[in-house]
Structures are given as C-alpha cells and as structure tokens.
Amino acid sequence: MRKAVNLNLEKSVYQEAKRLVPTGQVSSLINSLLKEHVKKLKEQELKEAYQRTAKSKEMREEDKVWEGTIEDGIEDE
C-alpha cells in the first residue's frame, strides 16, 4: 500500500535529483533511502534499550532468577 506525501527539498538537492535520477524513479529512491534510515533508527533504539536493560539492577536480579531455571528438567542420559 502506498501513501502520497509532499516533501520540501533544498533547491540544489531537487535539481541534482532531477538531473541524475531517471524519470519516474524519484519516489522509489526516496522510499528506499527513508526505509534504510528508519531501519538504522530502529536498530539504534533497540541497542539503547538493551543498554538500559543491562544497566538495570532490577533486570540483573531477574536474570539471576531465570538463570536457575535454564537447566530445570534437563537430565543427562
């Protein structure tokens, strides 16, 4: 599904894009660039969340509780 949007670009960026990007491919290019940028932002957000969790005393204590359950019910044959 597509969504139409209006963009405001610097005049020089628009002129160079118009010159270099084939007709009809500007939307695809902007979509690809924005998709990659959003992916990087989400990765950074997740990394920061992991770092906050790693620093959390409450989460370290919770991890200790779960570490004890990892091998519950597993017996050597």
C-alpha atoms as a PDB file:
ATOM      1  CA  MET A   1       0.000   0.000   0.000  1.00  0.00           C
ATOM      2  CA  ARG A   2       1.324   3.433  -0.898  1.00  0.00           C
ATOM      3  CA  LYS A   3       0.771   6.808   0.763  1.00  0.00           C
ATOM      4  CA  ALA A   4       1.212  10.079  -1.144  1.00  0.00           C
ATOM      5  CA  VAL A   5       3.223  12.750   0.694  1.00  0.00           C
ATOM      6  CA  ASN A   6       4.541  16.217  -0.039  1.00  0.00           C
ATOM      7  CA  LEU A   7       8.243  16.861   0.530  1.00  0.00           C
ATOM      8  CA  ASN A   8      10.183  20.080   0.862  1.00  0.00           C
ATOM      9  CA  LEU A   9      13.691  19.714  -0.522  1.00  0.00           C
ATOM     10  CA  GLU A  10      16.555  22.125  -0.851  1.00  0.00           C
ATOM     11  CA  LYS A  11      16.519  23.568  -4.356  1.00  0.00           C
ATOM     12  CA  SER A  12      20.007  22.243  -5.152  1.00  0.00           C
ATOM     13  CA  VAL A  13      19.073  18.723  -3.982  1.00  0.00           C
ATOM     14  CA  TYR A  14      15.953  18.759  -6.120  1.00  0.00           C
ATOM     15  CA  GLN A  15      17.849  19.986  -9.179  1.00  0.00           C
ATOM     16  CA  GLU A  16      20.543  17.327  -8.853  1.00  0.00           C
ATOM     17  CA  ALA A  17      17.987  14.582  -8.255  1.00  0.00           C
ATOM     18  CA  LYS A  18      16.009  15.699 -11.274  1.00  0.00           C
ATOM     19  CA  ARG A  19      19.203  15.614 -13.347  1.00  0.00           C
ATOM     20  CA  LEU A  20      20.544  12.283 -12.080  1.00  0.00           C
ATOM     21  CA  VAL A  21      17.539  10.130 -11.182  1.00  0.00           C
ATOM     22  CA  PRO A  22      15.599   8.630 -14.086  1.00  0.00           C
ATOM     23  CA  THR A  23      12.070   9.921 -14.588  1.00  0.00           C
ATOM     24  CA  GLY A  24       9.542   8.011 -12.509  1.00  0.00           C
ATOM     25  CA  GLN A  25      12.140   6.652 -10.075  1.00  0.00           C
ATOM     26  CA  VAL A  26      12.387   9.515  -7.588  1.00  0.00           C
ATOM     27  CA  SER A  27       9.670   8.092  -5.334  1.00  0.00           C
ATOM     28  CA  SER A  28      11.316   4.667  -5.291  1.00  0.00           C
ATOM     29  CA  LEU A  29      14.679   6.223  -4.459  1.00  0.00           C
ATOM     30  CA  ILE A  30      13.282   8.332  -1.616  1.00  0.00           C
ATOM     31  CA  ASN A  31      11.337   5.334  -0.294  1.00  0.00           C
ATOM     32  CA  SER A  32      14.490   3.178  -0.287  1.00  0.00           C
ATOM     33  CA  LEU A  33      16.582   5.864   1.403  1.00  0.00           C
ATOM     34  CA  LEU A  34      13.938   6.538   4.029  1.00  0.00           C
ATOM     35  CA  LYS A  35      13.400   2.825   4.662  1.00  0.00           C
ATOM     36  CA  GLU A  36      17.141   2.332   5.279  1.00  0.00           C
ATOM     37  CA  HIS A  37      17.287   5.377   7.545  1.00  0.00           C
ATOM     38  CA  VAL A  38      14.283   4.185   9.579  1.00  0.00           C
ATOM     39  CA  LYS A  39      15.901   0.749   9.897  1.00  0.00           C
ATOM     40  CA  LYS A  40      19.052   2.328  11.335  1.00  0.00           C
ATOM     41  CA  LEU A  41      16.998   4.442  13.747  1.00  0.00           C
ATOM     42  CA  LYS A  42      15.129   1.352  14.958  1.00  0.00           C
ATOM     43  CA  GLU A  43      18.402  -0.552  15.406  1.00  0.00           C
ATOM     44  CA  GLN A  44      19.813   2.346  17.438  1.00  0.00           C
ATOM     45  CA  GLU A  45      16.640   2.493  19.525  1.00  0.00           C
ATOM     46  CA  LEU A  46      16.860  -1.249  20.229  1.00  0.00           C
ATOM     47  CA  LYS A  47      20.567  -1.004  21.094  1.00  0.00           C
ATOM     48  CA  GLU A  48      19.860   1.791  23.562  1.00  0.00           C
ATOM     49  CA  ALA A  49      17.033  -0.227  25.122  1.00  0.00           C
ATOM     50  CA  TYR A  50      19.361  -3.233  25.548  1.00  0.00           C
ATOM     51  CA  GLN A  51      21.984  -0.981  27.135  1.00  0.00           C
ATOM     52  CA  ARG A  52      19.436   0.486  29.568  1.00  0.00           C
ATOM     53  CA  THR A  53      18.265  -3.015  30.448  1.00  0.00           C
ATOM     54  CA  ALA A  54      21.834  -4.206  31.005  1.00  0.00           C
ATOM     55  CA  LYS A  55      22.402  -1.342  33.443  1.00  0.00           C
ATOM     56  CA  SER A  56      19.165  -2.024  35.322  1.00  0.00           C
ATOM     57  CA  LYS A  57      19.717  -3.595  38.743  1.00  0.00           C
ATOM     58  CA  GLU A  58      16.168  -4.961  38.679  1.00  0.00           C
ATOM     59  CA  MET A  59      16.797  -6.728  35.348  1.00  0.00           C
ATOM     60  CA  ARG A  60      20.106  -8.205  36.559  1.00  0.00           C
ATOM     61  CA  GLU A  61      18.275  -9.651  39.548  1.00  0.00           C
ATOM     62  CA  GLU A  62      15.555 -11.023  37.257  1.00  0.00           C
ATOM     63  CA  ASP A  63      18.250 -12.608  35.058  1.00  0.00           C
ATOM     64  CA  LYS A  64      19.669 -14.405  38.091  1.00  0.00           C
ATOM     65  CA  VAL A  65      16.254 -15.903  38.811  1.00  0.00           C
ATOM     66  CA  TRP A  66      15.895 -17.122  35.230  1.00  0.00           C
ATOM     67  CA  GLU A  67      19.462 -18.494  35.073  1.00  0.00           C
ATOM     68  CA  GLY A  68      18.461 -21.033  37.690  1.00  0.00           C
ATOM     69  CA  THR A  69      15.611 -22.295  35.520  1.00  0.00           C
ATOM     70  CA  ILE A  70      17.577 -22.806  32.311  1.00  0.00           C
ATOM     71  CA  GLU A  71      18.513 -26.388  33.050  1.00  0.00           C
ATOM     72  CA  ASP A  72      15.439 -27.372  35.060  1.00  0.00           C
ATOM     73  CA  GLY A  73      14.038 -30.658  33.843  1.00  0.00           C
ATOM     74  CA  ILE A  74      17.055 -31.497  31.675  1.00  0.00           C
ATOM     75  CA  GLU A  75      18.799 -34.657  32.699  1.00  0.00           C
ATOM     76  CA  ASP A  76      21.900 -36.297  31.250  1.00  0.00           C
ATOM     77  CA  GLU A  77      21.194 -39.620  29.649  1.00  0.00           C
END
